[in-house]
N, C-alpha and C. Protein backbone atom coordinates (compact mmCIF):
# COMPACT_ATOMS: atom_id res chain seq x y z
N VAL A 1 -15.05 4.07 8.08
CA VAL A 1 -14.26 3.09 7.58
C VAL A 1 -13.22 2.45 8.24
N GLN A 2 -13.10 0.79 8.46
CA GLN A 2 -12.18 -0.05 9.60
C GLN A 2 -10.47 -0.56 8.09
N LEU A 3 -10.23 -0.16 7.88
CA LEU A 3 -8.79 -0.76 6.74
C LEU A 3 -7.75 -2.60 8.13
N GLN A 4 -7.62 -2.99 7.34
CA GLN A 4 -6.95 -4.33 7.67
C GLN A 4 -6.14 -5.03 6.39
N ALA A 5 -4.63 -4.56 6.92
CA ALA A 5 -3.89 -5.11 6.16
C ALA A 5 -3.11 -6.01 6.35
N SER A 6 -3.04 -7.15 5.78
CA SER A 6 -2.06 -8.56 6.14
C SER A 6 -1.14 -8.61 4.86
N GLY A 7 -0.63 -9.63 5.17
CA GLY A 7 0.72 -10.59 3.61
C GLY A 7 2.13 -10.90 4.24
N GLY A 8 2.31 -9.45 4.95
CA GLY A 8 4.03 -9.36 5.54
C GLY A 8 4.52 -10.17 6.14
N GLY A 9 5.18 -9.71 6.26
CA GLY A 9 6.55 -11.21 6.14
C GLY A 9 7.95 -11.73 5.99
N LEU A 10 8.53 -11.85 6.00
CA LEU A 10 10.37 -12.06 6.26
C LEU A 10 10.32 -13.50 4.74
N VAL A 11 10.96 -13.01 4.69
CA VAL A 11 11.68 -12.90 2.82
C VAL A 11 12.90 -12.32 2.70
N GLN A 12 13.27 -13.09 1.72
CA GLN A 12 14.88 -12.93 1.40
C GLN A 12 14.72 -11.62 -0.28
N ALA A 13 16.21 -11.46 -0.59
CA ALA A 13 16.37 -10.07 -1.59
C ALA A 13 15.93 -11.10 -2.41
N GLY A 14 15.21 -10.13 -3.27
CA GLY A 14 14.89 -11.03 -4.94
C GLY A 14 13.80 -11.55 -5.32
N GLY A 15 13.04 -11.50 -3.26
CA GLY A 15 11.83 -12.75 -3.54
C GLY A 15 10.93 -11.51 -3.80
N SER A 16 9.17 -12.41 -3.46
CA SER A 16 8.41 -11.55 -3.66
C SER A 16 7.24 -11.77 -2.19
N LEU A 17 6.48 -10.99 -2.07
CA LEU A 17 5.33 -10.65 -1.18
C LEU A 17 3.47 -10.32 -1.91
N ARG A 18 2.70 -10.01 -0.95
CA ARG A 18 1.45 -9.91 -1.73
C ARG A 18 0.42 -8.87 -0.59
N LEU A 19 1.17 -7.95 -0.45
CA LEU A 19 -0.67 -7.42 0.62
C LEU A 19 -1.22 -7.19 0.62
N SER A 20 -2.36 -7.25 1.36
CA SER A 20 -3.65 -7.00 1.20
C SER A 20 -4.19 -6.23 2.18
N CYS A 21 -5.03 -5.38 0.98
CA CYS A 21 -5.71 -5.24 2.73
C CYS A 21 -6.97 -4.23 2.29
N ALA A 22 -8.15 -5.34 3.66
CA ALA A 22 -9.62 -5.04 3.35
C ALA A 22 -10.60 -4.09 4.25
N ALA A 23 -11.04 -3.40 3.25
CA ALA A 23 -11.85 -2.39 4.16
C ALA A 23 -13.13 -2.71 4.23
N SER A 24 -13.81 -2.02 5.04
CA SER A 24 -15.18 -2.62 5.69
C SER A 24 -15.68 -0.43 5.73
N GLY A 25 -16.90 -1.20 6.07
CA GLY A 25 -18.29 0.39 6.58
C GLY A 25 -17.90 1.80 5.20
N ARG A 26 -17.69 2.46 4.70
CA ARG A 26 -18.04 2.75 3.56
C ARG A 26 -18.35 2.44 1.61
N ALA A 27 -18.60 2.67 0.89
CA ALA A 27 -18.89 2.36 -0.19
C ALA A 27 -16.92 2.34 -0.65
N PHE A 28 -16.16 1.22 -0.28
CA PHE A 28 -14.81 1.65 -0.97
C PHE A 28 -14.97 1.44 -2.05
N SER A 29 -15.43 1.11 -2.92
CA SER A 29 -14.98 1.77 -4.28
C SER A 29 -15.45 3.60 -4.52
N THR A 30 -15.26 4.32 -3.72
CA THR A 30 -15.33 6.02 -3.50
C THR A 30 -14.38 6.02 -3.29
N PHE A 31 -13.39 5.27 -2.72
CA PHE A 31 -12.66 5.80 -2.13
C PHE A 31 -11.33 5.82 -2.96
N ARG A 32 -9.86 6.86 -3.16
CA ARG A 32 -8.94 6.75 -3.61
C ARG A 32 -7.79 5.60 -2.79
N MET A 33 -6.65 4.46 -2.98
CA MET A 33 -6.48 4.03 -1.68
C MET A 33 -5.10 4.25 -1.91
N GLY A 34 -4.26 4.31 -1.24
CA GLY A 34 -2.76 4.24 -1.14
C GLY A 34 -2.46 3.65 -0.28
N TRP A 35 -0.77 3.59 -0.33
CA TRP A 35 0.30 1.70 1.00
C TRP A 35 1.16 3.71 0.92
N PHE A 36 1.83 2.98 1.59
CA PHE A 36 2.76 4.17 2.83
C PHE A 36 3.43 2.95 3.45
N ARG A 37 4.78 3.65 3.92
CA ARG A 37 5.69 2.67 4.29
C ARG A 37 6.45 3.18 4.81
N GLN A 38 6.93 2.58 6.59
CA GLN A 38 8.22 3.36 7.04
C GLN A 38 8.74 2.36 7.58
N ALA A 39 10.28 3.16 7.29
CA ALA A 39 10.61 2.31 8.15
C ALA A 39 12.05 2.96 9.70
N PRO A 40 12.47 1.50 10.31
CA PRO A 40 12.52 2.52 11.72
C PRO A 40 13.80 3.77 11.54
N GLY A 41 12.87 4.80 12.15
CA GLY A 41 13.79 5.38 12.27
C GLY A 41 13.60 6.58 10.89
N LYS A 42 12.64 6.34 10.15
CA LYS A 42 12.65 7.14 9.18
C LYS A 42 10.74 7.62 9.07
N GLU A 43 10.82 8.57 8.52
CA GLU A 43 9.45 9.34 8.15
C GLU A 43 8.22 7.98 7.57
N ARG A 44 7.23 8.41 6.84
CA ARG A 44 5.84 7.76 6.78
C ARG A 44 5.93 7.64 5.28
N GLU A 45 6.52 7.02 4.47
CA GLU A 45 6.59 7.91 2.73
C GLU A 45 5.82 6.79 2.00
N PHE A 46 5.59 7.35 0.25
CA PHE A 46 4.98 7.66 -0.39
C PHE A 46 5.06 6.00 -0.57
N VAL A 47 4.10 4.98 -1.66
CA VAL A 47 4.72 3.65 -1.93
C VAL A 47 4.16 4.20 -3.13
N THR A 48 2.68 4.12 -3.47
CA THR A 48 2.30 3.79 -4.54
C THR A 48 0.25 4.51 -4.18
N THR A 49 -0.24 4.79 -5.62
CA THR A 49 -1.56 5.05 -4.44
C THR A 49 -2.41 4.29 -6.48
N ILE A 50 -3.80 3.98 -6.10
CA ILE A 50 -4.93 4.06 -7.57
C ILE A 50 -5.75 4.77 -6.93
N ASN A 51 -6.19 4.94 -8.07
CA ASN A 51 -7.37 5.85 -8.08
C ASN A 51 -9.27 4.58 -7.86
N TRP A 52 -10.34 5.58 -7.62
CA TRP A 52 -11.50 4.52 -7.31
C TRP A 52 -11.69 3.80 -8.64
N SER A 53 -11.14 3.47 -9.80
CA SER A 53 -11.78 2.93 -10.62
C SER A 53 -10.73 1.68 -10.60
N GLY A 54 -9.38 1.65 -10.82
CA GLY A 54 -8.18 1.85 -11.11
C GLY A 54 -7.97 1.74 -11.89
N VAL A 55 -7.76 2.03 -12.74
CA VAL A 55 -7.18 2.84 -13.87
C VAL A 55 -6.27 3.86 -14.32
N HIS A 56 -5.78 4.63 -12.62
CA HIS A 56 -4.69 5.33 -12.99
C HIS A 56 -3.56 5.08 -11.51
N THR A 57 -2.61 4.90 -11.85
CA THR A 57 -2.40 4.79 -10.49
C THR A 57 -1.02 5.68 -10.54
N SER A 58 0.21 5.32 -9.52
CA SER A 58 1.13 6.16 -9.53
C SER A 58 2.35 5.02 -8.17
N TYR A 59 2.98 5.29 -8.86
CA TYR A 59 4.62 5.14 -7.39
C TYR A 59 5.87 5.83 -7.36
N THR A 60 5.87 5.60 -6.31
CA THR A 60 7.50 5.65 -6.15
C THR A 60 9.13 5.54 -6.07
N ASP A 61 9.18 6.11 -7.17
CA ASP A 61 10.38 5.75 -7.89
C ASP A 61 11.94 4.65 -7.84
N SER A 62 11.72 4.82 -6.69
CA SER A 62 11.99 3.15 -6.10
C SER A 62 11.70 1.55 -5.79
N VAL A 63 10.39 1.59 -6.40
CA VAL A 63 9.34 0.26 -6.33
C VAL A 63 9.11 0.43 -8.17
N LYS A 64 9.01 1.65 -8.58
CA LYS A 64 8.65 1.60 -10.55
C LYS A 64 9.45 0.18 -10.76
N GLY A 65 8.42 -0.93 -11.26
CA GLY A 65 9.18 -2.26 -11.94
C GLY A 65 9.07 -3.07 -10.84
N ARG A 66 8.44 -3.02 -10.27
CA ARG A 66 8.85 -4.33 -9.26
C ARG A 66 7.74 -4.13 -8.61
N PHE A 67 7.28 -2.42 -8.06
CA PHE A 67 5.45 -3.49 -6.88
C PHE A 67 4.04 -3.05 -8.23
N THR A 68 3.16 -3.54 -7.93
CA THR A 68 1.64 -3.22 -8.23
C THR A 68 0.77 -2.80 -7.32
N ILE A 69 0.04 -1.96 -7.18
CA ILE A 69 -1.06 -1.89 -6.93
C ILE A 69 -2.36 -2.17 -7.77
N SER A 70 -3.03 -2.77 -7.15
CA SER A 70 -4.45 -3.26 -7.81
C SER A 70 -5.76 -3.26 -7.13
N ARG A 71 -7.14 -3.59 -7.51
CA ARG A 71 -7.68 -3.45 -6.55
C ARG A 71 -9.14 -4.36 -6.68
N ASP A 72 -9.80 -4.67 -6.57
CA ASP A 72 -10.92 -5.58 -6.63
C ASP A 72 -12.51 -4.67 -5.79
N ASN A 73 -13.09 -3.90 -6.29
CA ASN A 73 -13.95 -3.32 -6.07
C ASN A 73 -15.56 -4.42 -5.11
N ALA A 74 -15.05 -5.05 -5.49
CA ALA A 74 -16.53 -6.35 -5.49
C ALA A 74 -15.77 -6.68 -4.22
N LYS A 75 -14.79 -7.58 -3.85
CA LYS A 75 -14.04 -7.52 -2.44
C LYS A 75 -13.87 -6.74 -1.80
N ASN A 76 -14.29 -5.23 -2.28
CA ASN A 76 -13.34 -4.03 -0.79
C ASN A 76 -12.23 -4.35 -0.25
N THR A 77 -11.14 -5.12 -1.24
CA THR A 77 -10.07 -5.03 -1.49
C THR A 77 -8.64 -4.75 -2.13
N VAL A 78 -7.68 -4.05 -1.62
CA VAL A 78 -6.69 -3.67 -1.99
C VAL A 78 -5.63 -4.11 -2.33
N TYR A 79 -4.83 -4.69 -3.21
CA TYR A 79 -3.17 -5.51 -3.08
C TYR A 79 -2.33 -4.94 -3.72
N LEU A 80 -1.16 -5.09 -2.98
CA LEU A 80 0.07 -4.52 -3.28
C LEU A 80 0.86 -5.92 -3.82
N GLN A 81 1.61 -5.76 -4.74
CA GLN A 81 2.04 -7.38 -5.82
C GLN A 81 3.75 -6.21 -5.27
N MET A 82 4.71 -7.68 -4.75
CA MET A 82 5.97 -6.68 -4.53
C MET A 82 6.93 -7.71 -4.85
N ASN A 83 7.71 -7.61 -6.01
CA ASN A 83 8.60 -8.52 -6.78
C ASN A 83 10.32 -8.52 -6.54
N ASN A 84 10.34 -9.07 -6.92
CA ASN A 84 12.60 -8.91 -6.78
C ASN A 84 12.77 -7.39 -5.15
N LEU A 85 12.03 -8.30 -4.88
CA LEU A 85 12.43 -7.35 -2.91
C LEU A 85 13.85 -7.02 -2.49
N LYS A 86 13.75 -6.20 -2.23
CA LYS A 86 15.18 -5.62 -1.45
C LYS A 86 15.52 -4.74 0.06
N PRO A 87 16.65 -5.55 0.93
CA PRO A 87 16.11 -4.60 2.24
C PRO A 87 16.37 -3.65 2.19
N GLU A 88 16.05 -2.65 1.46
CA GLU A 88 15.86 -1.43 1.90
C GLU A 88 14.18 -1.16 1.89
N ASP A 89 13.41 -2.48 1.49
CA ASP A 89 11.80 -2.77 1.11
C ASP A 89 11.75 -2.60 2.53
N THR A 90 12.77 -3.07 3.53
CA THR A 90 12.21 -3.22 4.82
C THR A 90 11.48 -2.31 5.79
N ALA A 91 9.96 -2.11 5.95
CA ALA A 91 9.60 -1.52 7.18
C ALA A 91 7.60 -1.60 7.01
N VAL A 92 7.41 -1.42 8.01
CA VAL A 92 5.87 -1.57 8.19
C VAL A 92 5.01 -0.97 7.03
N TYR A 93 4.23 -1.82 6.55
CA TYR A 93 3.68 -0.71 5.66
C TYR A 93 1.92 -0.27 6.42
N TYR A 94 1.35 0.47 5.19
CA TYR A 94 0.62 1.01 5.88
C TYR A 94 -0.49 1.09 4.60
N CYS A 95 -1.79 0.47 4.17
CA CYS A 95 -3.21 0.87 3.67
C CYS A 95 -3.59 1.99 4.44
N ALA A 96 -4.14 2.41 3.09
CA ALA A 96 -5.67 4.34 3.63
C ALA A 96 -5.70 4.35 2.79
N ALA A 97 -6.79 4.74 3.37
CA ALA A 97 -8.26 5.60 1.97
C ALA A 97 -8.54 7.09 1.63
N SER A 98 -8.84 7.72 0.56
CA SER A 98 -8.57 9.14 0.68
C SER A 98 -9.89 9.63 -0.05
N LEU A 99 -11.12 10.23 0.29
CA LEU A 99 -11.36 10.37 -0.55
C LEU A 99 -11.46 11.59 -0.95
N GLY A 100 -10.33 12.91 -0.71
CA GLY A 100 -10.25 13.25 -1.29
C GLY A 100 -9.82 13.07 -3.10
N SER A 101 -9.05 14.87 -3.49
CA SER A 101 -9.44 14.71 -5.34
C SER A 101 -8.08 15.55 -5.76
N GLY A 102 -7.00 14.17 -4.97
CA GLY A 102 -5.58 14.99 -5.00
C GLY A 102 -5.07 13.83 -5.38
N LEU A 103 -3.74 13.83 -5.64
CA LEU A 103 -2.56 12.99 -6.17
C LEU A 103 -2.81 11.59 -5.50
N GLY A 104 -2.14 11.68 -3.87
CA GLY A 104 -2.13 11.38 -3.77
C GLY A 104 -0.89 9.96 -2.82
N VAL A 105 -0.23 11.56 -3.02
CA VAL A 105 1.51 11.04 -2.54
C VAL A 105 1.47 11.63 -1.58
N TRP A 106 0.77 12.07 -0.09
CA TRP A 106 1.25 13.10 0.69
C TRP A 106 0.24 12.38 1.69
N THR A 107 0.35 12.29 3.11
CA THR A 107 -0.51 11.55 4.28
C THR A 107 -1.43 12.36 4.56
N GLY A 108 -1.44 13.08 4.65
CA GLY A 108 -2.34 14.71 4.70
C GLY A 108 -3.47 14.17 3.86
N GLU A 109 -3.18 13.55 2.73
CA GLU A 109 -4.85 13.84 1.83
C GLU A 109 -5.24 12.59 2.74
N TYR A 110 -5.19 11.20 3.76
CA TYR A 110 -5.56 9.79 3.37
C TYR A 110 -6.94 10.30 4.68
N ASP A 111 -8.18 9.44 4.40
CA ASP A 111 -8.69 10.22 5.80
C ASP A 111 -8.27 9.04 7.17
N TYR A 112 -8.46 7.51 6.15
CA TYR A 112 -8.56 6.48 7.05
C TYR A 112 -6.73 5.26 6.70
N TRP A 113 -6.42 5.29 7.59
CA TRP A 113 -5.47 4.14 8.41
C TRP A 113 -5.58 2.89 8.37
N GLY A 114 -5.32 1.94 8.44
CA GLY A 114 -4.81 0.51 9.00
C GLY A 114 -3.85 0.37 9.24
N ARG A 115 -3.03 -0.60 10.41
CA ARG A 115 -3.07 -1.25 11.30
C ARG A 115 -1.26 -1.08 10.54
N GLY A 116 -1.10 -2.00 9.61
CA GLY A 116 -0.08 -2.11 8.99
C GLY A 116 0.31 -3.44 9.10
N THR A 117 1.04 -3.40 8.11
CA THR A 117 1.50 -4.88 8.57
C THR A 117 3.43 -4.71 7.94
N LEU A 118 4.56 -5.59 8.79
CA LEU A 118 5.89 -5.56 8.38
C LEU A 118 6.20 -6.09 6.90
N VAL A 119 7.12 -5.83 6.29
CA VAL A 119 7.64 -6.36 5.59
C VAL A 119 9.03 -6.53 5.93
N THR A 120 9.80 -7.73 6.52
CA THR A 120 11.06 -7.48 6.07
C THR A 120 11.88 -8.13 5.48
N VAL A 121 13.48 -7.57 4.90
CA VAL A 121 13.87 -8.32 3.94
C VAL A 121 15.64 -8.73 3.46
N SER A 122 15.21 -9.88 3.60
CA SER A 122 16.98 -10.02 4.51
C SER A 122 17.79 -10.26 3.16
N SER A 123 19.19 -10.03 3.18
CA SER A 123 20.44 -9.93 2.11
C SER A 123 21.03 -10.77 1.88
């Protein structure tokens, strides 16, 4: 499975961005998908995850109410809509795919990773 994230960029605080992650290879609909981020000098952290059907989602507390994850299995794509962005959201954002049955909040649960897309939020 290959994952390609896109949609990052520079935005002012309070602005919005939508990230996309296109998957190729194995059946996309069988994967749990997740978004993680890594700020300079920090460890990669969980942002959000969505199960194979799109029914179940989970978010880290700092993005609840501002970020929304969704997926389109027909297009083999997962999205991350980010609203009311804050400077502390600045990071490289990675999408990942998991075949496991866990909660999807740990990096170790994921089998495939994209290269990441940089999001920079200016104050």
